[in-house]
Amino acid sequence: MMSLEPITIDGYTFKAITVLLPKTTLLAVASDKGYIMCGALDVGLLNEKLKDRGIIAGRAVGVRTIEQLLYAPLESVTVDAEKLGIHVGMSGTDALLKMI
């Protein structure tokens, strides 16, 4: 099963995506510029193999719900996310607000 729902943070709308898979759940919240995602996100791949795409993304680990993803500290971020002021340890919500 997959769900896509709008969520609002400080008056800005983001897309919250949940994908239920066997033995895992993929979670992501996206703006038009970038996204945060659960531990399934491979930030190293984005920074190395897909560097030319300039992907703005952050990864939080140990989260099981969209709400947890929003408030968890980011464990890793892409180089292009760092250029926007998004950093490791920042909450998902704060990172998303830099992606508007």
Protein backbone atom coordinates (compact mmCIF):
# COMPACT_ATOMS: atom_id res chain seq x y z
CA MET A 1 0.00 0.00 0.00
CA MET A 2 1.10 3.55 -0.69
CA SER A 3 -0.23 6.86 0.60
CA LEU A 4 0.43 10.42 -0.50
CA GLU A 5 -0.87 13.17 1.75
CA PRO A 6 -0.27 16.90 1.96
CA ILE A 7 1.13 18.18 5.25
CA THR A 8 1.53 21.80 6.28
CA ILE A 9 4.50 23.22 8.16
CA ASP A 10 4.48 26.94 9.00
CA GLY A 11 1.95 27.57 6.24
CA TYR A 12 3.90 25.68 3.53
CA THR A 13 2.56 22.49 1.97
CA PHE A 14 4.73 19.40 1.53
CA LYS A 15 4.02 15.91 0.17
CA ALA A 16 4.22 13.07 2.72
CA ILE A 17 4.73 9.67 1.10
CA THR A 18 4.45 6.32 2.87
CA VAL A 19 5.10 3.02 1.09
CA LEU A 20 4.36 -0.17 2.99
CA LEU A 21 6.66 -2.98 1.86
CA PRO A 22 7.32 -6.43 3.30
CA LYS A 23 9.32 -5.99 6.52
CA THR A 24 9.87 -2.25 5.99
CA THR A 25 8.13 1.06 5.41
CA LEU A 26 9.58 3.77 3.19
CA LEU A 27 8.91 7.31 4.39
CA ALA A 28 9.57 10.59 2.60
CA VAL A 29 8.45 14.20 2.81
CA ALA A 30 9.14 16.39 -0.21
CA SER A 31 9.01 19.98 -1.37
CA ASP A 32 9.52 21.12 -4.94
CA LYS A 33 13.27 21.51 -4.20
CA GLY A 34 14.19 18.44 -2.16
CA TYR A 35 13.18 15.85 0.40
CA ILE A 36 13.87 14.07 3.64
CA MET A 37 13.59 10.31 3.87
CA CYS A 38 13.97 7.36 6.20
CA GLY A 39 17.11 5.24 6.53
CA ALA A 40 16.54 3.60 3.13
CA LEU A 41 17.96 6.72 1.45
CA ASP A 42 21.54 6.22 0.22
CA VAL A 43 23.07 9.68 0.65
CA GLY A 44 26.49 8.37 -0.44
CA LEU A 45 25.03 7.29 -3.78
CA LEU A 46 23.42 10.70 -4.26
CA ASN A 47 26.68 12.50 -3.42
CA GLU A 48 28.89 10.26 -5.55
CA LYS A 49 27.16 8.57 -8.47
CA LEU A 50 24.37 11.14 -8.91
CA LYS A 51 26.32 14.26 -7.93
CA ASP A 52 25.61 15.95 -11.27
CA ARG A 53 21.89 15.99 -10.43
CA GLY A 54 22.38 18.31 -7.43
CA ILE A 55 19.87 16.46 -5.27
CA ILE A 56 18.85 18.18 -2.04
CA ALA A 57 18.04 15.49 0.51
CA GLY A 58 18.45 14.40 4.10
CA ARG A 59 18.23 11.04 5.85
CA ALA A 60 16.87 10.20 9.30
CA VAL A 61 17.31 6.72 10.74
CA GLY A 62 15.15 4.74 13.16
CA VAL A 63 11.90 6.42 12.14
CA ARG A 64 8.68 4.50 11.61
CA THR A 65 6.14 7.26 10.93
CA ILE A 66 5.97 10.54 9.04
CA GLU A 67 5.68 12.40 12.35
CA GLN A 68 8.89 10.78 13.63
CA LEU A 69 10.62 11.67 10.33
CA LEU A 70 9.64 15.32 10.76
CA TYR A 71 11.15 15.61 14.24
CA ALA A 72 14.10 13.23 14.07
CA PRO A 73 17.60 14.65 13.67
CA LEU A 74 19.05 14.11 10.22
CA GLU A 75 21.83 11.51 10.24
CA SER A 76 23.24 12.50 6.85
CA VAL A 77 22.59 15.11 4.14
CA THR A 78 23.68 15.62 0.56
CA VAL A 79 26.33 18.13 -0.46
CA ASP A 80 23.68 20.25 -2.16
CA ALA A 81 21.54 20.22 1.00
CA GLU A 82 24.56 21.54 2.95
CA LYS A 83 24.80 24.42 0.47
CA LEU A 84 21.29 25.47 1.59
CA GLY A 85 22.29 25.39 5.26
CA ILE A 86 20.86 21.95 5.99
CA HIS A 87 23.14 19.97 8.29
CA VAL A 88 23.46 16.73 10.21
CA GLY A 89 21.55 16.94 13.48
CA MET A 90 18.94 19.37 12.13
CA SER A 91 15.31 18.25 12.50
CA GLY A 92 13.45 17.12 9.43
CA THR A 93 11.01 20.00 9.82
CA ASP A 94 13.78 22.60 9.92
CA ALA A 95 15.42 21.04 6.88
CA LEU A 96 12.18 21.07 4.89
CA LEU A 97 11.66 24.76 5.67
CA LYS A 98 15.04 25.45 4.05
CA MET A 99 13.81 23.60 0.94
CA ILE A 100 10.98 26.01 0.13
